[in-house]
Amino acid sequence: MSEQDQDQVFMRAMGERLALLLAAADIPDEVKESFVAMVPDMTPDQIAKLMQGLEARVGSGENEEVAQLKQAVEKVQEQHEAAVKASEDKAIGAMQKIEDLLKEEEA
């Protein structure tokens, strides 16, 4: 494969990656369209910087997973706290009955 062929393959791969990044980036469509219009006039360094910026605007999915995990943990924590509160209330009620019985015995 000649050097020119290698350059074409590389540029095609960069173009496909740029297209994917633009499609997945969390930016308004008007901004995406502006970038597409500017790309033909950009230098390779400018395109590389654009791609880095777009990569930062693409969600990795990890944040979603972390948020879901956090929600699940919070739900379990709430359930645990409710169960502990119910147990405490039951124990306090039982202790109150014992106290009442002891007071009756003393009287």
N, C-alpha and C. Protein backbone atom coordinates (compact mmCIF):
# COMPACT_ATOMS: atom_id res chain seq x y z
N MET A 1 0.86 -1.16 0.00
CA MET A 1 0.00 0.00 0.00
C MET A 1 0.91 1.23 0.00
N SER A 2 0.63 2.14 -0.89
CA SER A 2 1.46 3.34 -1.00
C SER A 2 1.16 4.30 0.14
N GLU A 3 2.03 5.27 0.30
CA GLU A 3 1.86 6.26 1.36
C GLU A 3 0.57 7.06 1.14
N GLN A 4 0.28 7.34 -0.11
CA GLN A 4 -0.94 8.08 -0.43
C GLN A 4 -2.19 7.25 -0.06
N ASP A 5 -2.15 5.97 -0.32
CA ASP A 5 -3.26 5.09 0.05
C ASP A 5 -3.42 5.04 1.58
N GLN A 6 -2.30 4.97 2.27
CA GLN A 6 -2.34 4.95 3.73
C GLN A 6 -2.95 6.26 4.26
N ASP A 7 -2.55 7.37 3.65
CA ASP A 7 -3.11 8.67 4.07
C ASP A 7 -4.62 8.71 3.84
N GLN A 8 -5.06 8.16 2.72
CA GLN A 8 -6.49 8.16 2.42
C GLN A 8 -7.26 7.29 3.43
N VAL A 9 -6.70 6.15 3.75
CA VAL A 9 -7.34 5.26 4.73
C VAL A 9 -7.41 5.96 6.08
N PHE A 10 -6.31 6.61 6.47
CA PHE A 10 -6.27 7.33 7.74
C PHE A 10 -7.29 8.46 7.76
N MET A 11 -7.35 9.24 6.69
CA MET A 11 -8.27 10.37 6.62
C MET A 11 -9.73 9.89 6.63
N ARG A 12 -9.99 8.79 5.95
CA ARG A 12 -11.35 8.23 5.95
C ARG A 12 -11.73 7.80 7.36
N ALA A 13 -10.81 7.15 8.05
CA ALA A 13 -11.08 6.71 9.43
C ALA A 13 -11.31 7.92 10.34
N MET A 14 -10.51 8.97 10.16
CA MET A 14 -10.69 10.19 10.96
C MET A 14 -12.04 10.82 10.65
N GLY A 15 -12.42 10.84 9.38
CA GLY A 15 -13.71 11.40 8.99
C GLY A 15 -14.87 10.63 9.60
N GLU A 16 -14.77 9.31 9.60
CA GLU A 16 -15.82 8.48 10.19
C GLU A 16 -15.91 8.70 11.70
N ARG A 17 -14.76 8.80 12.32
CA ARG A 17 -14.72 9.05 13.77
C ARG A 17 -15.32 10.42 14.08
N LEU A 18 -14.96 11.42 13.29
CA LEU A 18 -15.50 12.76 13.49
C LEU A 18 -17.01 12.75 13.32
N ALA A 19 -17.49 12.05 12.31
CA ALA A 19 -18.94 11.96 12.09
C ALA A 19 -19.64 11.31 13.28
N LEU A 20 -19.06 10.25 13.80
CA LEU A 20 -19.64 9.57 14.97
C LEU A 20 -19.64 10.47 16.20
N LEU A 21 -18.53 11.19 16.38
CA LEU A 21 -18.44 12.09 17.52
C LEU A 21 -19.47 13.21 17.41
N LEU A 22 -19.61 13.76 16.20
CA LEU A 22 -20.60 14.81 16.00
C LEU A 22 -22.02 14.29 16.27
N ALA A 23 -22.29 13.11 15.81
CA ALA A 23 -23.62 12.54 16.00
C ALA A 23 -23.91 12.28 17.47
N ALA A 24 -22.91 11.86 18.21
CA ALA A 24 -23.12 11.48 19.61
C ALA A 24 -22.94 12.62 20.60
N ALA A 25 -22.33 13.72 20.15
CA ALA A 25 -22.03 14.83 21.07
C ALA A 25 -23.31 15.47 21.59
N ASP A 26 -23.23 15.88 22.82
CA ASP A 26 -24.35 16.54 23.49
C ASP A 26 -24.28 18.05 23.22
N ILE A 27 -24.52 18.41 21.97
CA ILE A 27 -24.51 19.82 21.57
C ILE A 27 -25.68 20.03 20.60
N PRO A 28 -26.15 21.27 20.48
CA PRO A 28 -27.28 21.54 19.59
C PRO A 28 -26.95 21.20 18.12
N ASP A 29 -27.98 20.82 17.38
CA ASP A 29 -27.80 20.45 15.98
C ASP A 29 -27.22 21.60 15.15
N GLU A 30 -27.58 22.84 15.48
CA GLU A 30 -27.06 23.98 14.72
C GLU A 30 -25.53 24.07 14.86
N VAL A 31 -25.04 23.78 16.04
CA VAL A 31 -23.59 23.81 16.27
C VAL A 31 -22.92 22.68 15.50
N LYS A 32 -23.55 21.51 15.51
CA LYS A 32 -23.01 20.39 14.74
C LYS A 32 -22.91 20.74 13.27
N GLU A 33 -23.96 21.35 12.73
CA GLU A 33 -23.98 21.73 11.32
C GLU A 33 -22.89 22.76 11.02
N SER A 34 -22.65 23.67 11.95
CA SER A 34 -21.59 24.66 11.77
C SER A 34 -20.22 23.99 11.70
N PHE A 35 -20.00 23.03 12.59
CA PHE A 35 -18.73 22.31 12.56
C PHE A 35 -18.54 21.58 11.24
N VAL A 36 -19.60 20.92 10.78
CA VAL A 36 -19.52 20.19 9.50
C VAL A 36 -19.15 21.14 8.37
N ALA A 37 -19.72 22.33 8.38
CA ALA A 37 -19.43 23.31 7.33
C ALA A 37 -17.99 23.81 7.41
N MET A 38 -17.41 23.86 8.60
CA MET A 38 -16.04 24.38 8.76
C MET A 38 -14.96 23.34 8.51
N VAL A 39 -15.28 22.07 8.65
CA VAL A 39 -14.26 21.01 8.57
C VAL A 39 -13.42 21.07 7.29
N PRO A 40 -14.00 21.28 6.11
CA PRO A 40 -13.15 21.28 4.91
C PRO A 40 -12.06 22.36 4.92
N ASP A 41 -12.27 23.43 5.67
CA ASP A 41 -11.29 24.51 5.71
C ASP A 41 -10.36 24.41 6.91
N MET A 42 -10.52 23.40 7.72
CA MET A 42 -9.72 23.27 8.93
C MET A 42 -8.42 22.52 8.66
N THR A 43 -7.41 22.85 9.47
CA THR A 43 -6.13 22.13 9.40
C THR A 43 -6.27 20.83 10.18
N PRO A 44 -5.37 19.88 9.95
CA PRO A 44 -5.44 18.63 10.74
C PRO A 44 -5.36 18.88 12.25
N ASP A 45 -4.55 19.86 12.68
CA ASP A 45 -4.46 20.17 14.11
C ASP A 45 -5.79 20.70 14.63
N GLN A 46 -6.46 21.54 13.86
CA GLN A 46 -7.75 22.07 14.26
C GLN A 46 -8.79 20.95 14.35
N ILE A 47 -8.74 20.05 13.40
CA ILE A 47 -9.68 18.91 13.42
C ILE A 47 -9.42 18.04 14.65
N ALA A 48 -8.13 17.82 14.96
CA ALA A 48 -7.79 17.02 16.14
C ALA A 48 -8.32 17.69 17.41
N LYS A 49 -8.18 19.00 17.52
CA LYS A 49 -8.69 19.72 18.69
C LYS A 49 -10.22 19.66 18.75
N LEU A 50 -10.85 19.77 17.59
CA LEU A 50 -12.31 19.65 17.53
C LEU A 50 -12.74 18.28 18.03
N MET A 51 -12.04 17.26 17.59
CA MET A 51 -12.38 15.90 18.00
C MET A 51 -12.19 15.72 19.50
N GLN A 52 -11.14 16.31 20.06
CA GLN A 52 -10.94 16.23 21.51
C GLN A 52 -12.09 16.90 22.25
N GLY A 53 -12.50 18.06 21.74
CA GLY A 53 -13.62 18.76 22.37
C GLY A 53 -14.91 17.96 22.28
N LEU A 54 -15.13 17.33 21.14
CA LEU A 54 -16.34 16.52 20.97
C LEU A 54 -16.31 15.29 21.87
N GLU A 55 -15.14 14.69 22.02
CA GLU A 55 -15.02 13.52 22.89
C GLU A 55 -15.44 13.86 24.31
N ALA A 56 -15.14 15.08 24.74
CA ALA A 56 -15.52 15.51 26.08
C ALA A 56 -17.03 15.70 26.20
N ARG A 57 -17.71 15.90 25.08
CA ARG A 57 -19.15 16.14 25.08
C ARG A 57 -19.97 14.88 24.82
N VAL A 58 -19.28 13.76 24.69
CA VAL A 58 -19.97 12.49 24.43
C VAL A 58 -20.03 11.72 25.73
N GLY A 59 -21.24 11.35 26.13
CA GLY A 59 -21.40 10.56 27.35
C GLY A 59 -20.84 9.16 27.15
N SER A 60 -20.17 8.67 28.16
CA SER A 60 -19.57 7.34 28.04
C SER A 60 -20.51 6.24 28.46
N GLY A 61 -21.62 6.62 29.05
CA GLY A 61 -22.53 5.61 29.58
C GLY A 61 -22.21 5.28 31.02
N GLU A 62 -20.98 5.52 31.43
CA GLU A 62 -20.59 5.25 32.81
C GLU A 62 -21.37 6.14 33.76
N ASN A 63 -21.56 7.40 33.37
CA ASN A 63 -22.30 8.32 34.24
C ASN A 63 -23.71 7.81 34.49
N GLU A 64 -24.34 7.28 33.46
CA GLU A 64 -25.68 6.72 33.62
C GLU A 64 -25.66 5.55 34.57
N GLU A 65 -24.68 4.69 34.40
CA GLU A 65 -24.58 3.52 35.26
C GLU A 65 -24.33 3.94 36.71
N VAL A 66 -23.48 4.93 36.90
CA VAL A 66 -23.19 5.42 38.25
C VAL A 66 -24.45 6.02 38.86
N ALA A 67 -25.21 6.78 38.07
CA ALA A 67 -26.44 7.38 38.57
C ALA A 67 -27.46 6.31 38.95
N GLN A 68 -27.58 5.27 38.12
CA GLN A 68 -28.51 4.18 38.43
C GLN A 68 -28.08 3.44 39.69
N LEU A 69 -26.79 3.20 39.80
CA LEU A 69 -26.27 2.53 40.99
C LEU A 69 -26.52 3.38 42.24
N LYS A 70 -26.28 4.67 42.11
CA LYS A 70 -26.51 5.58 43.24
C LYS A 70 -27.98 5.55 43.67
N GLN A 71 -28.89 5.58 42.69
CA GLN A 71 -30.31 5.51 43.00
C GLN A 71 -30.66 4.21 43.72
N ALA A 72 -30.11 3.11 43.24
CA ALA A 72 -30.38 1.81 43.86
C ALA A 72 -29.87 1.78 45.29
N VAL A 73 -28.68 2.31 45.50
CA VAL A 73 -28.11 2.34 46.85
C VAL A 73 -28.96 3.23 47.76
N GLU A 74 -29.40 4.38 47.25
CA GLU A 74 -30.23 5.28 48.05
C GLU A 74 -31.56 4.61 48.41
N LYS A 75 -32.13 3.87 47.46
CA LYS A 75 -33.39 3.19 47.72
C LYS A 75 -33.21 2.12 48.81
N VAL A 76 -32.14 1.35 48.71
CA VAL A 76 -31.86 0.34 49.72
C VAL A 76 -31.62 1.00 51.07
N GLN A 77 -30.90 2.13 51.06
CA GLN A 77 -30.63 2.85 52.32
C GLN A 77 -31.93 3.33 52.95
N GLU A 78 -32.84 3.87 52.14
CA GLU A 78 -34.13 4.33 52.65
C GLU A 78 -34.94 3.17 53.23
N GLN A 79 -34.94 2.04 52.53
CA GLN A 79 -35.66 0.86 53.02
C GLN A 79 -35.06 0.38 54.34
N HIS A 80 -33.74 0.39 54.40
CA HIS A 80 -33.07 -0.04 55.63
C HIS A 80 -33.42 0.89 56.79
N GLU A 81 -33.36 2.19 56.53
CA GLU A 81 -33.68 3.16 57.58
C GLU A 81 -35.13 3.01 58.04
N ALA A 82 -36.04 2.76 57.11
CA ALA A 82 -37.45 2.55 57.47
C ALA A 82 -37.60 1.29 58.32
N ALA A 83 -36.89 0.23 57.97
CA ALA A 83 -36.96 -1.02 58.73
C ALA A 83 -36.38 -0.82 60.13
N VAL A 84 -35.28 -0.09 60.22
CA VAL A 84 -34.68 0.18 61.53
C VAL A 84 -35.63 1.00 62.38
N LYS A 85 -36.24 2.02 61.78
CA LYS A 85 -37.19 2.88 62.50
C LYS A 85 -38.38 2.04 63.00
N ALA A 86 -38.90 1.17 62.16
CA ALA A 86 -40.02 0.31 62.55
C ALA A 86 -39.61 -0.59 63.72
N SER A 87 -38.41 -1.15 63.66
CA SER A 87 -37.92 -2.01 64.74
C SER A 87 -37.75 -1.22 66.03
N GLU A 88 -37.22 -0.02 65.91
CA GLU A 88 -37.05 0.82 67.09
C GLU A 88 -38.40 1.16 67.71
N ASP A 89 -39.36 1.53 66.86
CA ASP A 89 -40.70 1.86 67.36
C ASP A 89 -41.32 0.66 68.07
N LYS A 90 -41.16 -0.51 67.50
CA LYS A 90 -41.71 -1.72 68.09
C LYS A 90 -41.03 -2.00 69.44
N ALA A 91 -39.71 -1.84 69.49
CA ALA A 91 -38.97 -2.08 70.73
C ALA A 91 -39.37 -1.07 71.80
N ILE A 92 -39.52 0.19 71.41
CA ILE A 92 -39.92 1.23 72.37
C ILE A 92 -41.32 0.93 72.89
N GLY A 93 -42.21 0.50 71.99
CA GLY A 93 -43.57 0.13 72.42
C GLY A 93 -43.55 -1.01 73.42
N ALA A 94 -42.72 -2.01 73.16
CA ALA A 94 -42.62 -3.16 74.07
C ALA A 94 -42.05 -2.72 75.41
N MET A 95 -41.05 -1.87 75.39
CA MET A 95 -40.46 -1.37 76.63
C MET A 95 -41.47 -0.54 77.42
N GLN A 96 -42.28 0.23 76.73
CA GLN A 96 -43.31 1.04 77.39
C GLN A 96 -44.32 0.14 78.09
N LYS A 97 -44.70 -0.96 77.44
CA LYS A 97 -45.64 -1.91 78.05
C LYS A 97 -45.05 -2.52 79.31
N ILE A 98 -43.76 -2.86 79.24
CA ILE A 98 -43.09 -3.44 80.41
C ILE A 98 -43.05 -2.42 81.54
N GLU A 99 -42.74 -1.17 81.19
CA GLU A 99 -42.71 -0.11 82.20
C GLU A 99 -44.08 0.05 82.85
N ASP A 100 -45.12 0.05 82.02
CA ASP A 100 -46.48 0.19 82.53
C ASP A 100 -46.83 -0.97 83.47
N LEU A 101 -46.44 -2.18 83.09
CA LEU A 101 -46.70 -3.34 83.94
C LEU A 101 -45.96 -3.22 85.27
N LEU A 102 -44.72 -2.76 85.22
CA LEU A 102 -43.93 -2.60 86.45
C LEU A 102 -44.55 -1.53 87.35
N LYS A 103 -45.04 -0.47 86.77
CA LYS A 103 -45.69 0.59 87.57
C LYS A 103 -46.96 0.07 88.21
N GLU A 104 -47.69 -0.77 87.49
CA GLU A 104 -48.92 -1.35 88.05
C GLU A 104 -48.61 -2.26 89.22
N GLU A 105 -47.51 -3.01 89.10
CA GLU A 105 -47.10 -3.93 90.17
C GLU A 105 -46.68 -3.15 91.41
N GLU A 106 -46.04 -2.02 91.22
CA GLU A 106 -45.58 -1.23 92.35
C GLU A 106 -46.75 -0.56 93.07
N ALA A 107 -47.80 -0.27 92.34
CA ALA A 107 -48.93 0.46 92.93
C ALA A 107 -49.80 -0.39 93.78
